[in-house]
C-alpha atoms as a PDB file:
ATOM      1  CA  MET A   1      29.226 -62.904 -94.643  1.00  0.00           C
ATOM      2  CA  ILE A   2      25.613 -63.974 -93.812  1.00  0.00           C
ATOM      3  CA  GLU A   3      24.941 -67.458 -95.192  1.00  0.00           C
ATOM      4  CA  THR A   4      22.089 -67.554 -97.629  1.00  0.00           C
ATOM      5  CA  PRO A   5      19.718 -70.542 -96.902  1.00  0.00           C
ATOM      6  CA  GLN A   6      19.738 -73.116 -99.644  1.00  0.00           C
ATOM      7  CA  PRO A   7      16.541 -73.848-101.568  1.00  0.00           C
ATOM      8  CA  GLU A   8      15.131 -77.296-100.949  1.00  0.00           C
ATOM      9  CA  LEU A   9      16.873 -80.094-102.808  1.00  0.00           C
ATOM     10  CA  ARG A  10      14.346 -81.634-105.042  1.00  0.00           C
ATOM     11  CA  PHE A  11      14.272 -84.276-107.824  1.00  0.00           C
ATOM     12  CA  LEU A  12      12.871 -84.569-111.273  1.00  0.00           C
ATOM     13  CA  ASP A  13      12.562 -87.870-113.277  1.00  0.00           C
ATOM     14  CA  VAL A  14      14.035 -87.613-116.778  1.00  0.00           C
ATOM     15  CA  GLY A  15      14.022 -90.854-118.711  1.00  0.00           C
ATOM     16  CA  GLY A  16      14.234 -92.852-115.471  1.00  0.00           C
ATOM     17  CA  ARG A  17      17.148 -90.829-114.209  1.00  0.00           C
ATOM     18  CA  ARG A  18      16.785 -88.895-110.904  1.00  0.00           C
ATOM     19  CA  ILE A  19      17.811 -85.389-111.563  1.00  0.00           C
ATOM     20  CA  ALA A  20      18.604 -83.208-108.543  1.00  0.00           C
ATOM     21  CA  PHE A  21      17.674 -79.543-108.611  1.00  0.00           C
ATOM     22  CA  ARG A  22      17.268 -76.448-106.386  1.00  0.00           C
ATOM     23  CA  HIS A  23      14.783 -73.692-107.319  1.00  0.00           C
ATOM     24  CA  ARG A  24      14.642 -70.302-105.663  1.00  0.00           C
ATOM     25  CA  ALA A  25      11.275 -68.570-106.248  1.00  0.00           C
ATOM     26  CA  GLY A  26      11.481 -64.956-107.247  1.00  0.00           C
ATOM     27  CA  ARG A  27      10.980 -62.225-109.883  1.00  0.00           C
ATOM     28  CA  SER A  28      11.359 -62.685-113.557  1.00  0.00           C
ATOM     29  CA  PRO A  29      13.704 -62.912-115.469  1.00  0.00           C
ATOM     30  CA  GLY A  30      15.019 -65.814-113.551  1.00  0.00           C
ATOM     31  CA  VAL A  31      18.549 -67.133-113.739  1.00  0.00           C
ATOM     32  CA  PHE A  32      19.054 -70.695-114.919  1.00  0.00           C
ATOM     33  CA  TRP A  33      22.477 -72.275-114.380  1.00  0.00           C
ATOM     34  CA  LEU A  34      24.145 -74.859-116.572  1.00  0.00           C
ATOM     35  CA  GLY A  35      27.380 -76.217-115.136  1.00  0.00           C
ATOM     36  CA  GLY A  36      30.476 -77.697-116.778  1.00  0.00           C
ATOM     37  CA  PHE A  37      31.790 -81.188-117.404  1.00  0.00           C
ATOM     38  CA  ARG A  38      32.106 -82.956-114.011  1.00  0.00           C
ATOM     39  CA  SER A  39      30.990 -79.911-112.071  1.00  0.00           C
ATOM     40  CA  ASP A  40      27.870 -79.670-109.848  1.00  0.00           C
ATOM     41  CA  MET A  41      25.316 -77.073-108.792  1.00  0.00           C
ATOM     42  CA  ASP A  42      27.173 -76.286-105.574  1.00  0.00           C
ATOM     43  CA  GLY A  43      30.247 -74.949-107.234  1.00  0.00           C
ATOM     44  CA  THR A  44      31.574 -71.477-106.447  1.00  0.00           C
ATOM     45  CA  LYS A  45      29.987 -69.672-109.358  1.00  0.00           C
ATOM     46  CA  ALA A  46      26.654 -71.255-109.079  1.00  0.00           C
ATOM     47  CA  LEU A  47      26.485 -70.441-105.317  1.00  0.00           C
ATOM     48  CA  ALA A  48      27.481 -66.856-105.958  1.00  0.00           C
ATOM     49  CA  LEU A  49      24.685 -66.435-108.469  1.00  0.00           C
ATOM     50  CA  ASP A  50      22.229 -67.997-106.015  1.00  0.00           C
ATOM     51  CA  ARG A  51      23.267 -65.466-103.375  1.00  0.00           C
ATOM     52  CA  LEU A  52      22.835 -62.672-105.907  1.00  0.00           C
ATOM     53  CA  ALA A  53      19.376 -63.927-106.727  1.00  0.00           C
ATOM     54  CA  ALA A  54      18.424 -64.174-103.054  1.00  0.00           C
ATOM     55  CA  GLU A  55      19.610 -60.599-102.472  1.00  0.00           C
ATOM     56  CA  ARG A  56      17.592 -59.267-105.381  1.00  0.00           C
ATOM     57  CA  GLY A  57      14.541 -61.372-105.129  1.00  0.00           C
ATOM     58  CA  THR A  58      15.217 -62.961-108.464  1.00  0.00           C
ATOM     59  CA  ALA A  59      14.272 -66.562-109.340  1.00  0.00           C
ATOM     60  CA  MET A  60      17.259 -68.969-109.702  1.00  0.00           C
ATOM     61  CA  THR A  61      17.377 -72.544-110.908  1.00  0.00           C
ATOM     62  CA  ARG A  62      20.321 -74.841-110.767  1.00  0.00           C
ATOM     63  CA  PHE A  63      20.602 -78.716-111.268  1.00  0.00           C
ATOM     64  CA  ASP A  64      23.030 -81.556-111.639  1.00  0.00           C
ATOM     65  CA  TYR A  65      23.276 -83.494-114.852  1.00  0.00           C
ATOM     66  CA  SER A  66      23.049 -87.278-114.555  1.00  0.00           C
ATOM     67  CA  GLY A  67      26.262 -88.742-113.197  1.00  0.00           C
ATOM     68  CA  HIS A  68      27.089 -85.402-111.554  1.00  0.00           C
ATOM     69  CA  GLY A  69      26.642 -84.201-108.025  1.00  0.00           C
ATOM     70  CA  ALA A  70      23.348 -85.344-106.242  1.00  0.00           C
ATOM     71  CA  SER A  71      21.721 -86.667-109.388  1.00  0.00           C
ATOM     72  CA  GLY A  72      21.467 -90.361-110.257  1.00  0.00           C
ATOM     73  CA  GLY A  73      22.809 -92.148-113.222  1.00  0.00           C
ATOM     74  CA  ALA A  74      26.382 -93.188-114.217  1.00  0.00           C
ATOM     75  CA  PHE A  75      28.780 -90.490-115.419  1.00  0.00           C
ATOM     76  CA  ASP A  76      30.222 -92.677-118.067  1.00  0.00           C
ATOM     77  CA  GLU A  77      26.866 -93.144-119.641  1.00  0.00           C
ATOM     78  CA  GLY A  78      26.524 -89.456-120.141  1.00  0.00           C
ATOM     79  CA  THR A  79      26.282 -87.777-123.630  1.00  0.00           C
ATOM     80  CA  ILE A  80      25.610 -84.395-124.939  1.00  0.00           C
ATOM     81  CA  SER A  81      22.151 -85.591-125.934  1.00  0.00           C
ATOM     82  CA  ARG A  82      21.371 -86.936-122.507  1.00  0.00           C
ATOM     83  CA  TRP A  83      22.560 -83.840-120.722  1.00  0.00           C
ATOM     84  CA  LEU A  84      20.672 -81.610-123.132  1.00  0.00           C
ATOM     85  CA  GLU A  85      17.457 -83.618-122.584  1.00  0.00           C
ATOM     86  CA  GLU A  86      17.953 -83.100-118.845  1.00  0.00           C
ATOM     87  CA  SER A  87      18.582 -79.481-119.257  1.00  0.00           C
ATOM     88  CA  MET A  88      15.449 -78.955-121.268  1.00  0.00           C
ATOM     89  CA  ALA A  89      13.387 -81.042-118.835  1.00  0.00           C
ATOM     90  CA  VAL A  90      14.456 -78.968-115.804  1.00  0.00           C
ATOM     91  CA  PHE A  91      14.024 -75.658-117.796  1.00  0.00           C
ATOM     92  CA  GLU A  92      10.510 -76.528-118.955  1.00  0.00           C
ATOM     93  CA  GLY A  93       9.458 -78.470-115.834  1.00  0.00           C
ATOM     94  CA  VAL A  94      10.792 -76.155-113.148  1.00  0.00           C
ATOM     95  CA  THR A  95      11.070 -72.711-114.401  1.00  0.00           C
ATOM     96  CA  SER A  96       8.421 -70.182-115.641  1.00  0.00           C
ATOM     97  CA  GLY A  97       8.625 -66.846-117.341  1.00  0.00           C
ATOM     98  CA  GLU A  98      11.657 -65.231-118.989  1.00  0.00           C
ATOM     99  CA  GLN A  99      15.081 -66.628-118.105  1.00  0.00           C
ATOM    100  CA  ILE A 100      18.691 -65.522-118.292  1.00  0.00           C
ATOM    101  CA  VAL A 101      20.669 -68.722-119.041  1.00  0.00           C
ATOM    102  CA  VAL A 102      24.227 -68.869-117.578  1.00  0.00           C
ATOM    103  CA  GLY A 103      26.427 -71.653-118.985  1.00  0.00           C
ATOM    104  CA  SER A 104      29.930 -72.480-117.798  1.00  0.00           C
ATOM    105  CA  SER A 105      32.354 -74.505-120.101  1.00  0.00           C
ATOM    106  CA  MET A 106      30.363 -77.443-121.315  1.00  0.00           C
ATOM    107  CA  GLY A 107      27.309 -75.618-119.986  1.00  0.00           C
ATOM    108  CA  GLY A 108      27.947 -72.815-122.517  1.00  0.00           C
ATOM    109  CA  TRP A 109      27.567 -75.355-125.389  1.00  0.00           C
ATOM    110  CA  LEU A 110      24.405 -76.792-123.801  1.00  0.00           C
ATOM    111  CA  ALA A 111      22.992 -73.274-123.251  1.00  0.00           C
ATOM    112  CA  LEU A 112      23.346 -72.537-127.014  1.00  0.00           C
ATOM    113  CA  LEU A 113      21.871 -75.970-127.951  1.00  0.00           C
ATOM    114  CA  MET A 114      18.948 -75.560-125.582  1.00  0.00           C
ATOM    115  CA  ASN A 115      18.192 -72.015-126.826  1.00  0.00           C
ATOM    116  CA  ARG A 116      18.186 -73.281-130.473  1.00  0.00           C
ATOM    117  CA  ALA A 117      15.928 -76.210-129.578  1.00  0.00           C
ATOM    118  CA  LEU A 118      13.440 -74.047-127.735  1.00  0.00           C
ATOM    119  CA  ARG A 119      13.344 -71.382-130.382  1.00  0.00           C
ATOM    120  CA  GLU A 120      12.774 -74.065-133.101  1.00  0.00           C
ATOM    121  CA  ARG A 121       9.636 -74.829-131.136  1.00  0.00           C
ATOM    122  CA  GLY A 122       8.603 -71.239-130.881  1.00  0.00           C
ATOM    123  CA  VAL A 123       9.534 -70.922-127.275  1.00  0.00           C
ATOM    124  CA  ALA A 124      11.419 -67.571-126.763  1.00  0.00           C
ATOM    125  CA  ARG A 125      11.693 -67.467-122.935  1.00  0.00           C
ATOM    126  CA  ILE A 126      15.505 -67.082-122.950  1.00  0.00           C
ATOM    127  CA  THR A 127      16.082 -63.367-122.931  1.00  0.00           C
ATOM    128  CA  ALA A 128      19.934 -63.416-122.699  1.00  0.00           C
ATOM    129  CA  LEU A 129      22.823 -65.821-122.502  1.00  0.00           C
ATOM    130  CA  VAL A 130      25.841 -65.384-120.238  1.00  0.00           C
ATOM    131  CA  LEU A 131      28.592 -67.841-121.251  1.00  0.00           C
ATOM    132  CA  ILE A 132      31.678 -68.460-119.130  1.00  0.00           C
ATOM    133  CA  ALA A 133      34.615 -69.960-121.091  1.00  0.00           C
ATOM    134  CA  PRO A 134      32.049 -71.699-123.428  1.00  0.00           C
ATOM    135  CA  ALA A 135      33.249 -75.136-124.563  1.00  0.00           C
ATOM    136  CA  VAL A 136      31.248 -75.132-127.791  1.00  0.00           C
ATOM    137  CA  ASP A 137      31.837 -78.398-129.809  1.00  0.00           C
ATOM    138  CA  MET A 138      34.164 -79.443-127.086  1.00  0.00           C
ATOM    139  CA  THR A 139      34.179 -83.142-128.117  1.00  0.00           C
ATOM    140  CA  GLU A 140      35.433 -82.283-131.559  1.00  0.00           C
ATOM    141  CA  GLU A 141      37.366 -79.131-130.898  1.00  0.00           C
ATOM    142  CA  LEU A 142      38.910 -79.689-127.423  1.00  0.00           C
ATOM    143  CA  MET A 143      38.963 -83.382-126.576  1.00  0.00           C
ATOM    144  CA  VAL A 144      39.785 -85.218-129.752  1.00  0.00           C
ATOM    145  CA  PRO A 145      42.783 -82.950-130.830  1.00  0.00           C
ATOM    146  CA  GLU A 146      44.419 -83.429-127.447  1.00  0.00           C
ATOM    147  CA  MET A 147      44.296 -87.361-127.670  1.00  0.00           C
ATOM    148  CA  SER A 148      47.482 -89.263-128.387  1.00  0.00           C
ATOM    149  CA  GLU A 149      47.364 -91.978-131.142  1.00  0.00           C
ATOM    150  CA  ALA A 150      47.370 -94.521-128.310  1.00  0.00           C
ATOM    151  CA  GLU A 151      44.371 -92.948-126.634  1.00  0.00           C
ATOM    152  CA  ARG A 152      42.524 -92.855-129.914  1.00  0.00           C
ATOM    153  CA  GLU A 153      43.137 -96.455-130.509  1.00  0.00           C
ATOM    154  CA  ALA A 154      42.116 -97.317-126.890  1.00  0.00           C
ATOM    155  CA  LEU A 155      38.881 -95.250-127.331  1.00  0.00           C
ATOM    156  CA  ALA A 156      38.074 -97.182-130.473  1.00  0.00           C
ATOM    157  CA  GLU A 157      38.864-100.550-129.077  1.00  0.00           C
ATOM    158  CA  ASP A 158      37.732-100.248-125.400  1.00  0.00           C
ATOM    159  CA  GLY A 159      35.071 -97.548-125.750  1.00  0.00           C
ATOM    160  CA  ARG A 160      36.599 -95.295-123.148  1.00  0.00           C
ATOM    161  CA  ILE A 161      39.806 -93.721-121.897  1.00  0.00           C
ATOM    162  CA  GLU A 162      40.795 -92.081-118.633  1.00  0.00           C
ATOM    163  CA  ARG A 163      42.782 -88.822-118.384  1.00  0.00           C
ATOM    164  CA  PRO A 164      44.156 -87.057-115.320  1.00  0.00           C
ATOM    165  CA  SER A 165      41.909 -84.306-114.022  1.00  0.00           C
ATOM    166  CA  ALA A 166      43.214 -80.960-112.934  1.00  0.00           C
ATOM    167  CA  TYR A 167      40.197 -80.505-110.649  1.00  0.00           C
ATOM    168  CA  ALA A 168      39.664 -83.913-109.006  1.00  0.00           C
ATOM    169  CA  GLU A 169      41.591 -86.889-107.699  1.00  0.00           C
ATOM    170  CA  GLU A 170      39.608 -89.267-109.976  1.00  0.00           C
ATOM    171  CA  PRO A 171      40.554 -89.211-113.706  1.00  0.00           C
ATOM    172  CA  ASP A 172      38.180 -87.725-116.292  1.00  0.00           C
ATOM    173  CA  VAL A 173      36.396 -90.548-118.142  1.00  0.00           C
ATOM    174  CA  ILE A 174      35.906 -89.888-121.859  1.00  0.00           C
ATOM    175  CA  THR A 175      33.726 -92.486-123.851  1.00  0.00           C
ATOM    176  CA  ARG A 176      33.398 -93.195-127.468  1.00  0.00           C
ATOM    177  CA  ALA A 177      29.653 -92.655-127.061  1.00  0.00           C
ATOM    178  CA  LEU A 178      30.263 -89.088-125.828  1.00  0.00           C
ATOM    179  CA  ILE A 179      32.559 -88.259-128.730  1.00  0.00           C
ATOM    180  CA  GLU A 180      30.289 -89.805-131.334  1.00  0.00           C
ATOM    181  CA  ASP A 181      27.150 -88.212-129.843  1.00  0.00           C
ATOM    182  CA  GLY A 182      28.877 -84.838-129.666  1.00  0.00           C
ATOM    183  CA  ALA A 183      29.482 -84.924-133.357  1.00  0.00           C
ATOM    184  CA  ARG A 184      25.760 -84.829-133.838  1.00  0.00           C
ATOM    185  CA  HIS A 185      25.516 -81.536-132.104  1.00  0.00           C
ATOM    186  CA  LEU A 186      28.278 -79.486-133.587  1.00  0.00           C
ATOM    187  CA  MET A 187      27.547 -75.709-134.109  1.00  0.00           C
ATOM    188  CA  PHE A 188      30.695 -74.260-135.692  1.00  0.00           C
ATOM    189  CA  GLY A 189      30.802 -74.046-139.447  1.00  0.00           C
ATOM    190  CA  ALA A 190      27.516 -72.094-139.682  1.00  0.00           C
ATOM    191  CA  PRO A 191      26.222 -68.742-138.292  1.00  0.00           C
ATOM    192  CA  ILE A 192      24.863 -69.227-134.721  1.00  0.00           C
ATOM    193  CA  VAL A 193      21.603 -67.268-134.265  1.00  0.00           C
ATOM    194  CA  THR A 194      20.420 -66.943-130.675  1.00  0.00           C
ATOM    195  CA  GLY A 195      17.617 -64.332-130.967  1.00  0.00           C
ATOM    196  CA  CYS A 196      18.851 -62.669-127.743  1.00  0.00           C
ATOM    197  CA  PRO A 197      21.910 -60.856-126.484  1.00  0.00           C
ATOM    198  CA  ILE A 198      25.121 -62.852-125.452  1.00  0.00           C
ATOM    199  CA  ALA A 199      27.795 -61.918-123.048  1.00  0.00           C
ATOM    200  CA  ILE A 200      30.934 -64.083-123.068  1.00  0.00           C
ATOM    201  CA  VAL A 201      33.481 -63.994-120.107  1.00  0.00           C
ATOM    202  CA  GLN A 202      36.737 -65.832-120.904  1.00  0.00           C
ATOM    203  CA  GLY A 203      40.043 -66.113-118.959  1.00  0.00           C
ATOM    204  CA  ALA A 204      43.182 -65.128-120.965  1.00  0.00           C
ATOM    205  CA  GLU A 205      45.158 -67.843-119.324  1.00  0.00           C
ATOM    206  CA  ASP A 206      42.600 -70.613-119.612  1.00  0.00           C
ATOM    207  CA  THR A 207      44.256 -73.862-120.861  1.00  0.00           C
ATOM    208  CA  ASP A 208      41.216 -76.018-120.870  1.00  0.00           C
ATOM    209  CA  VAL A 209      39.182 -73.703-123.134  1.00  0.00           C
ATOM    210  CA  PRO A 210      41.726 -71.336-124.615  1.00  0.00           C
ATOM    211  CA  PRO A 211      40.700 -67.699-125.455  1.00  0.00           C
ATOM    212  CA  GLU A 212      41.001 -68.549-129.198  1.00  0.00           C
ATOM    213  CA  HIS A 213      37.988 -70.680-128.737  1.00  0.00           C
ATOM    214  CA  ALA A 214      35.840 -67.880-127.421  1.00  0.00           C
ATOM    215  CA  ILE A 215      37.077 -65.692-130.313  1.00  0.00           C
ATOM    216  CA  LYS A 216      36.031 -68.424-132.747  1.00  0.00           C
ATOM    217  CA  LEU A 217      32.590 -68.493-131.180  1.00  0.00           C
ATOM    218  CA  MET A 218      32.336 -64.668-131.519  1.00  0.00           C
ATOM    219  CA  SER A 219      33.037 -65.009-135.257  1.00  0.00           C
ATOM    220  CA  HIS A 220      29.900 -67.180-135.507  1.00  0.00           C
ATOM    221  CA  LEU A 221      27.595 -64.803-133.766  1.00  0.00           C
ATOM    222  CA  LEU A 222      26.686 -62.606-136.650  1.00  0.00           C
ATOM    223  CA  SER A 223      23.037 -61.808-135.958  1.00  0.00           C
ATOM    224  CA  ASP A 224      22.719 -60.854-132.362  1.00  0.00           C
ATOM    225  CA  GLU A 225      24.283 -58.457-129.903  1.00  0.00           C
ATOM    226  CA  ALA A 226      27.336 -60.140-128.386  1.00  0.00           C
ATOM    227  CA  SER A 227      30.200 -59.073-126.202  1.00  0.00           C
ATOM    228  CA  LEU A 228      33.432 -60.860-125.196  1.00  0.00           C
ATOM    229  CA  THR A 229      35.187 -59.803-121.969  1.00  0.00           C
ATOM    230  CA  LEU A 230      38.749 -61.207-121.779  1.00  0.00           C
ATOM    231  CA  VAL A 231      40.081 -61.525-118.225  1.00  0.00           C
ATOM    232  CA  PRO A 232      43.840 -60.867-118.095  1.00  0.00           C
ATOM    233  CA  GLY A 233      45.370 -63.609-116.008  1.00  0.00           C
ATOM    234  CA  GLY A 234      42.077 -65.484-115.751  1.00  0.00           C
ATOM    235  CA  ASP A 235      42.049 -69.267-115.661  1.00  0.00           C
ATOM    236  CA  HIS A 236      39.280 -71.791-116.458  1.00  0.00           C
ATOM    237  CA  ARG A 237      37.647 -71.545-113.032  1.00  0.00           C
ATOM    238  CA  LEU A 238      37.226 -67.794-113.058  1.00  0.00           C
ATOM    239  CA  SER A 239      36.096 -68.121-109.369  1.00  0.00           C
ATOM    240  CA  SER A 240      38.158 -65.386-107.567  1.00  0.00           C
ATOM    241  CA  ALA A 241      36.259 -62.644-105.827  1.00  0.00           C
ATOM    242  CA  ALA A 242      36.909 -60.280-108.716  1.00  0.00           C
ATOM    243  CA  ASP A 243      35.741 -62.933-111.214  1.00  0.00           C
ATOM    244  CA  LEU A 244      32.485 -63.496-109.203  1.00  0.00           C
ATOM    245  CA  ASP A 245      31.830 -59.787-109.264  1.00  0.00           C
ATOM    246  CA  ARG A 246      32.454 -59.678-112.981  1.00  0.00           C
ATOM    247  CA  LEU A 247      29.942 -62.535-113.379  1.00  0.00           C
ATOM    248  CA  ALA A 248      27.395 -60.844-111.251  1.00  0.00           C
ATOM    249  CA  GLU A 249      27.823 -57.680-113.330  1.00  0.00           C
ATOM    250  CA  ALA A 250      27.305 -59.655-116.640  1.00  0.00           C
ATOM    251  CA  VAL A 251      24.150 -61.222-115.327  1.00  0.00           C
ATOM    252  CA  SER A 252      22.877 -57.975-113.720  1.00  0.00           C
ATOM    253  CA  ARG A 253      23.103 -56.283-117.106  1.00  0.00           C
ATOM    254  CA  PHE A 254      20.206 -58.295-118.396  1.00  0.00           C
ATOM    255  CA  VAL A 255      17.946 -58.292-115.234  1.00  0.00           C
END
């Protein structure tokens, strides 16, 4: 396979935080990548989409939230509000024209929040959403229910807990600030209106964001064209060659 040259690593200041991004110039609609909790813009799916963009001459933008990858800031100071602010800043400060927003796991939640915030301001540049195992309302729906009573007490008293990670040697740090801030951004409980088509790709064997969660999201998408592709045997990563082809197909549908 011929290696695709990486776009230049650049930085954007957001609230005093140095946010790293890579932008590939190209045709519209561009592809805007939102990664997951503790992931970075050099992950398998993000790089696969960047190669696809390079092959087709399509614009592509990806970045790292603060406390992630090449960006500055401390991970344990991160909240949904902070990472949403950074997502908006990169979207508005780096991209132009119509965009297909692709969100993975936590990035799926941020994609929906960003789309809502932009449309409330009359900005309708997001023409489609592709969500991979979207962890909508993850703080309330996926994190808190998994905590033991001892962990809940430690979170209340110490402001943070550490949990083993299935994807890194270092434990996942979950802070009280993250949980409390997440509660201010909950989307379930009311219809979710996107104003654009949505394609959801979900692994049937995902234990981090179970398929029932994607089905719950579908039940809230009552106003816009939405599809759910359930991948038999698929895990949370969805990074096999077949999974990447499926992701490319989902994005290409809207180009």
